Amino acid sequence: MAARMAAETAMTGAPLLVSLQAAAVAKMRCGEAALACAGIAHAVHGAIGVSAEHDLYHLTGALHQLRLSHGGEAYWARRLGAWALSRPDDAATLARSL
C-alpha cells in the first residue's frame, strides 16, 4: 500500500512536471516492497520457488529484474541524499517539498 501511494504521489501531474526527487522516493519504496513480497512468497511456498521448474522462480526473478532496472534502491538513495545535502532547508521542509 505504501509503495502504491508513493508511486501515485510521485506521478501526479503532466510528464514534465514529475519531480525527480519524488520519483526517487517512489522507486526506492517500490523496490523495498518488491523485496518483501518476494521473500514472503518464497516463505509461503516453502522456498520451492527457488527451483527453476516452479512458476514462482520466474515471477520473482522478473520482479527483482524490474526492481534493479534504472538503478536500485541504493542508487536512488544516494541521489536523493545528495539533493537533500545540497539544499539549505531543514528536514521537515525537504520532506514537504517532495
N, C-alpha and C. Protein backbone atom coordinates (compact mmCIF):
# COMPACT_ATOMS: atom_id res chain seq x y z
N MET A 1 0.82 -1.18 0.00
CA MET A 1 0.00 0.00 0.00
C MET A 1 0.87 1.26 0.00
N ALA A 2 1.92 1.26 0.80
CA ALA A 2 2.79 2.43 0.86
C ALA A 2 3.51 2.64 -0.47
N ALA A 3 3.90 1.54 -1.12
CA ALA A 3 4.57 1.64 -2.42
C ALA A 3 3.63 2.24 -3.46
N ARG A 4 2.39 1.77 -3.45
CA ARG A 4 1.40 2.29 -4.41
C ARG A 4 1.15 3.78 -4.19
N MET A 5 1.02 4.19 -2.94
CA MET A 5 0.79 5.60 -2.64
C MET A 5 1.99 6.46 -3.03
N ALA A 6 3.19 5.96 -2.80
CA ALA A 6 4.39 6.70 -3.20
C ALA A 6 4.45 6.87 -4.70
N ALA A 7 4.12 5.81 -5.44
CA ALA A 7 4.14 5.89 -6.90
C ALA A 7 3.06 6.83 -7.42
N GLU A 8 1.86 6.76 -6.87
CA GLU A 8 0.78 7.64 -7.30
C GLU A 8 1.11 9.10 -7.01
N THR A 9 1.66 9.35 -5.84
CA THR A 9 2.02 10.72 -5.47
C THR A 9 3.12 11.26 -6.36
N ALA A 10 4.11 10.44 -6.67
CA ALA A 10 5.23 10.89 -7.49
C ALA A 10 4.81 11.20 -8.92
N MET A 11 3.86 10.45 -9.43
CA MET A 11 3.49 10.59 -10.84
C MET A 11 2.27 11.48 -11.07
N THR A 12 1.99 12.37 -10.14
CA THR A 12 0.89 13.31 -10.29
C THR A 12 1.34 14.49 -11.14
N GLY A 13 0.54 14.86 -12.10
CA GLY A 13 0.86 16.00 -12.96
C GLY A 13 1.32 15.54 -14.33
N ALA A 14 1.52 16.51 -15.19
CA ALA A 14 1.98 16.22 -16.55
C ALA A 14 3.37 15.59 -16.51
N PRO A 15 3.75 14.83 -17.52
CA PRO A 15 5.05 14.14 -17.50
C PRO A 15 6.24 15.06 -17.22
N LEU A 16 6.21 16.27 -17.71
CA LEU A 16 7.35 17.16 -17.50
C LEU A 16 7.33 17.82 -16.13
N LEU A 17 6.25 17.63 -15.37
CA LEU A 17 6.15 18.22 -14.04
C LEU A 17 6.51 17.25 -12.93
N VAL A 18 6.81 16.00 -13.27
CA VAL A 18 7.14 15.00 -12.27
C VAL A 18 8.50 15.33 -11.66
N SER A 19 8.54 15.39 -10.35
CA SER A 19 9.77 15.71 -9.62
C SER A 19 10.70 14.50 -9.60
N LEU A 20 11.96 14.69 -9.90
CA LEU A 20 12.95 13.61 -9.84
C LEU A 20 13.06 13.07 -8.42
N GLN A 21 12.97 13.96 -7.44
CA GLN A 21 13.08 13.54 -6.06
C GLN A 21 11.89 12.68 -5.64
N ALA A 22 10.68 13.07 -6.03
CA ALA A 22 9.50 12.27 -5.71
C ALA A 22 9.55 10.93 -6.42
N ALA A 23 10.03 10.92 -7.64
CA ALA A 23 10.17 9.66 -8.38
C ALA A 23 11.21 8.76 -7.71
N ALA A 24 12.28 9.35 -7.18
CA ALA A 24 13.31 8.58 -6.48
C ALA A 24 12.74 7.94 -5.22
N VAL A 25 11.94 8.67 -4.48
CA VAL A 25 11.32 8.12 -3.27
C VAL A 25 10.40 6.96 -3.65
N ALA A 26 9.61 7.13 -4.71
CA ALA A 26 8.70 6.07 -5.16
C ALA A 26 9.48 4.83 -5.61
N LYS A 27 10.57 5.04 -6.35
CA LYS A 27 11.37 3.92 -6.84
C LYS A 27 11.98 3.14 -5.67
N MET A 28 12.47 3.86 -4.67
CA MET A 28 13.05 3.20 -3.51
C MET A 28 11.98 2.42 -2.74
N ARG A 29 10.82 3.02 -2.53
CA ARG A 29 9.76 2.37 -1.75
C ARG A 29 9.22 1.15 -2.49
N CYS A 30 9.05 1.25 -3.79
CA CYS A 30 8.56 0.11 -4.57
C CYS A 30 9.58 -1.02 -4.59
N GLY A 31 10.86 -0.68 -4.64
CA GLY A 31 11.91 -1.70 -4.59
C GLY A 31 11.92 -2.43 -3.25
N GLU A 32 11.74 -1.68 -2.16
CA GLU A 32 11.68 -2.30 -0.84
C GLU A 32 10.47 -3.23 -0.73
N ALA A 33 9.35 -2.81 -1.28
CA ALA A 33 8.14 -3.64 -1.25
C ALA A 33 8.34 -4.90 -2.08
N ALA A 34 9.01 -4.78 -3.22
CA ALA A 34 9.26 -5.95 -4.07
C ALA A 34 10.11 -6.98 -3.34
N LEU A 35 11.12 -6.53 -2.62
CA LEU A 35 11.96 -7.44 -1.84
C LEU A 35 11.13 -8.17 -0.78
N ALA A 36 10.31 -7.43 -0.08
CA ALA A 36 9.49 -8.03 0.97
C ALA A 36 8.50 -9.03 0.38
N CYS A 37 7.85 -8.66 -0.71
CA CYS A 37 6.86 -9.55 -1.34
C CYS A 37 7.51 -10.84 -1.83
N ALA A 38 8.66 -10.72 -2.46
CA ALA A 38 9.34 -11.92 -2.96
C ALA A 38 9.75 -12.83 -1.81
N GLY A 39 10.24 -12.26 -0.75
CA GLY A 39 10.63 -13.06 0.41
C GLY A 39 9.46 -13.77 1.04
N ILE A 40 8.34 -13.07 1.17
CA ILE A 40 7.14 -13.67 1.75
C ILE A 40 6.61 -14.78 0.84
N ALA A 41 6.60 -14.53 -0.46
CA ALA A 41 6.10 -15.54 -1.40
C ALA A 41 6.93 -16.82 -1.34
N HIS A 42 8.25 -16.68 -1.24
CA HIS A 42 9.10 -17.87 -1.15
C HIS A 42 8.90 -18.58 0.19
N ALA A 43 8.69 -17.81 1.25
CA ALA A 43 8.46 -18.41 2.56
C ALA A 43 7.14 -19.19 2.59
N VAL A 44 6.11 -18.61 2.01
CA VAL A 44 4.80 -19.26 1.98
C VAL A 44 4.86 -20.56 1.19
N HIS A 45 5.64 -20.57 0.13
CA HIS A 45 5.74 -21.77 -0.71
C HIS A 45 6.85 -22.72 -0.24
N GLY A 46 7.35 -22.49 0.94
CA GLY A 46 8.37 -23.39 1.48
C GLY A 46 9.65 -23.36 0.69
N ALA A 47 9.97 -22.21 0.10
CA ALA A 47 11.18 -21.98 -0.69
C ALA A 47 11.26 -22.86 -1.93
N ILE A 48 10.13 -23.45 -2.32
CA ILE A 48 10.15 -24.27 -3.53
C ILE A 48 10.36 -23.40 -4.77
N GLY A 49 10.05 -22.11 -4.66
CA GLY A 49 10.19 -21.22 -5.79
C GLY A 49 11.62 -20.90 -6.17
N VAL A 50 12.59 -21.44 -5.44
CA VAL A 50 13.98 -21.19 -5.81
C VAL A 50 14.44 -22.14 -6.91
N SER A 51 13.62 -23.15 -7.23
CA SER A 51 13.98 -24.04 -8.32
C SER A 51 13.35 -23.54 -9.62
N ALA A 52 14.08 -23.67 -10.71
CA ALA A 52 13.64 -23.11 -11.99
C ALA A 52 12.38 -23.75 -12.54
N GLU A 53 11.99 -24.90 -12.01
CA GLU A 53 10.79 -25.58 -12.50
C GLU A 53 9.51 -24.92 -12.01
N HIS A 54 9.58 -24.16 -10.95
CA HIS A 54 8.39 -23.57 -10.35
C HIS A 54 8.14 -22.18 -10.95
N ASP A 55 6.85 -21.84 -11.16
CA ASP A 55 6.50 -20.53 -11.73
C ASP A 55 6.96 -19.38 -10.85
N LEU A 56 6.97 -19.59 -9.54
CA LEU A 56 7.38 -18.53 -8.63
C LEU A 56 8.81 -18.07 -8.90
N TYR A 57 9.65 -18.98 -9.30
CA TYR A 57 11.04 -18.64 -9.64
C TYR A 57 11.08 -17.58 -10.74
N HIS A 58 10.28 -17.77 -11.76
CA HIS A 58 10.26 -16.83 -12.89
C HIS A 58 9.60 -15.50 -12.51
N LEU A 59 8.56 -15.58 -11.71
CA LEU A 59 7.85 -14.36 -11.31
C LEU A 59 8.71 -13.48 -10.40
N THR A 60 9.34 -14.09 -9.41
CA THR A 60 10.17 -13.27 -8.52
C THR A 60 11.47 -12.85 -9.21
N GLY A 61 11.94 -13.66 -10.14
CA GLY A 61 13.11 -13.25 -10.92
C GLY A 61 12.82 -12.00 -11.74
N ALA A 62 11.65 -11.97 -12.36
CA ALA A 62 11.24 -10.79 -13.13
C ALA A 62 11.05 -9.59 -12.21
N LEU A 63 10.51 -9.84 -11.02
CA LEU A 63 10.31 -8.77 -10.05
C LEU A 63 11.64 -8.14 -9.64
N HIS A 64 12.63 -8.98 -9.37
CA HIS A 64 13.96 -8.46 -9.00
C HIS A 64 14.62 -7.74 -10.17
N GLN A 65 14.42 -8.24 -11.36
CA GLN A 65 14.99 -7.59 -12.54
C GLN A 65 14.39 -6.19 -12.72
N LEU A 66 13.09 -6.08 -12.56
CA LEU A 66 12.44 -4.78 -12.66
C LEU A 66 12.87 -3.86 -11.52
N ARG A 67 13.05 -4.43 -10.34
CA ARG A 67 13.47 -3.64 -9.18
C ARG A 67 14.82 -2.98 -9.42
N LEU A 68 15.72 -3.69 -10.09
CA LEU A 68 17.06 -3.17 -10.30
C LEU A 68 17.22 -2.37 -11.60
N SER A 69 16.20 -2.39 -12.45
CA SER A 69 16.32 -1.63 -13.70
C SER A 69 16.30 -0.13 -13.38
N HIS A 70 17.08 0.61 -14.09
CA HIS A 70 17.22 2.07 -13.91
C HIS A 70 17.74 2.43 -12.53
N GLY A 71 18.50 1.56 -11.92
CA GLY A 71 19.10 1.83 -10.62
C GLY A 71 18.29 1.23 -9.49
N GLY A 72 18.98 0.62 -8.57
CA GLY A 72 18.32 0.03 -7.41
C GLY A 72 18.08 1.05 -6.31
N GLU A 73 17.66 0.56 -5.16
CA GLU A 73 17.34 1.45 -4.05
C GLU A 73 18.55 2.26 -3.58
N ALA A 74 19.70 1.64 -3.51
CA ALA A 74 20.90 2.34 -3.03
C ALA A 74 21.29 3.49 -3.97
N TYR A 75 21.17 3.25 -5.26
CA TYR A 75 21.49 4.31 -6.24
C TYR A 75 20.60 5.52 -6.03
N TRP A 76 19.30 5.29 -5.92
CA TRP A 76 18.37 6.41 -5.77
C TRP A 76 18.46 7.04 -4.38
N ALA A 77 18.82 6.26 -3.37
CA ALA A 77 19.02 6.84 -2.04
C ALA A 77 20.21 7.80 -2.05
N ARG A 78 21.28 7.42 -2.77
CA ARG A 78 22.44 8.32 -2.89
C ARG A 78 22.07 9.60 -3.62
N ARG A 79 21.32 9.47 -4.71
CA ARG A 79 20.90 10.65 -5.48
C ARG A 79 20.02 11.57 -4.63
N LEU A 80 19.10 10.98 -3.90
CA LEU A 80 18.20 11.76 -3.05
C LEU A 80 18.97 12.40 -1.90
N GLY A 81 19.91 11.67 -1.33
CA GLY A 81 20.74 12.22 -0.26
C GLY A 81 21.60 13.38 -0.73
N ALA A 82 22.18 13.26 -1.91
CA ALA A 82 22.99 14.36 -2.46
C ALA A 82 22.13 15.59 -2.70
N TRP A 83 20.91 15.38 -3.18
CA TRP A 83 19.99 16.51 -3.39
C TRP A 83 19.66 17.16 -2.05
N ALA A 84 19.35 16.35 -1.03
CA ALA A 84 18.99 16.89 0.27
C ALA A 84 20.15 17.66 0.91
N LEU A 85 21.37 17.14 0.75
CA LEU A 85 22.53 17.82 1.33
C LEU A 85 22.87 19.11 0.61
N SER A 86 22.46 19.23 -0.63
CA SER A 86 22.76 20.46 -1.39
C SER A 86 21.78 21.59 -1.08
N ARG A 87 20.74 21.29 -0.33
CA ARG A 87 19.72 22.28 -0.02
C ARG A 87 19.95 22.87 1.36
N PRO A 88 19.63 24.15 1.55
CA PRO A 88 19.80 24.77 2.88
C PRO A 88 18.64 24.49 3.83
N ASP A 89 17.59 23.84 3.34
CA ASP A 89 16.38 23.65 4.14
C ASP A 89 16.58 22.59 5.23
N ASP A 90 15.71 22.65 6.24
CA ASP A 90 15.74 21.61 7.28
C ASP A 90 14.99 20.37 6.78
N ALA A 91 15.05 19.30 7.54
CA ALA A 91 14.48 18.02 7.11
C ALA A 91 12.98 18.09 6.87
N ALA A 92 12.27 18.81 7.73
CA ALA A 92 10.81 18.90 7.57
C ALA A 92 10.44 19.63 6.29
N THR A 93 11.15 20.69 5.97
CA THR A 93 10.88 21.42 4.74
C THR A 93 11.22 20.58 3.52
N LEU A 94 12.31 19.83 3.58
CA LEU A 94 12.67 18.94 2.48
C LEU A 94 11.59 17.88 2.27
N ALA A 95 11.10 17.30 3.33
CA ALA A 95 10.07 16.26 3.21
C ALA A 95 8.79 16.84 2.61
N ARG A 96 8.43 18.03 3.01
CA ARG A 96 7.22 18.66 2.46
C ARG A 96 7.40 19.00 0.99
N SER A 97 8.61 19.28 0.56
CA SER A 97 8.84 19.66 -0.83
C SER A 97 8.77 18.48 -1.79
N LEU A 98 8.81 17.27 -1.25
CA LEU A 98 8.70 16.09 -2.09
C LEU A 98 7.26 15.92 -2.45
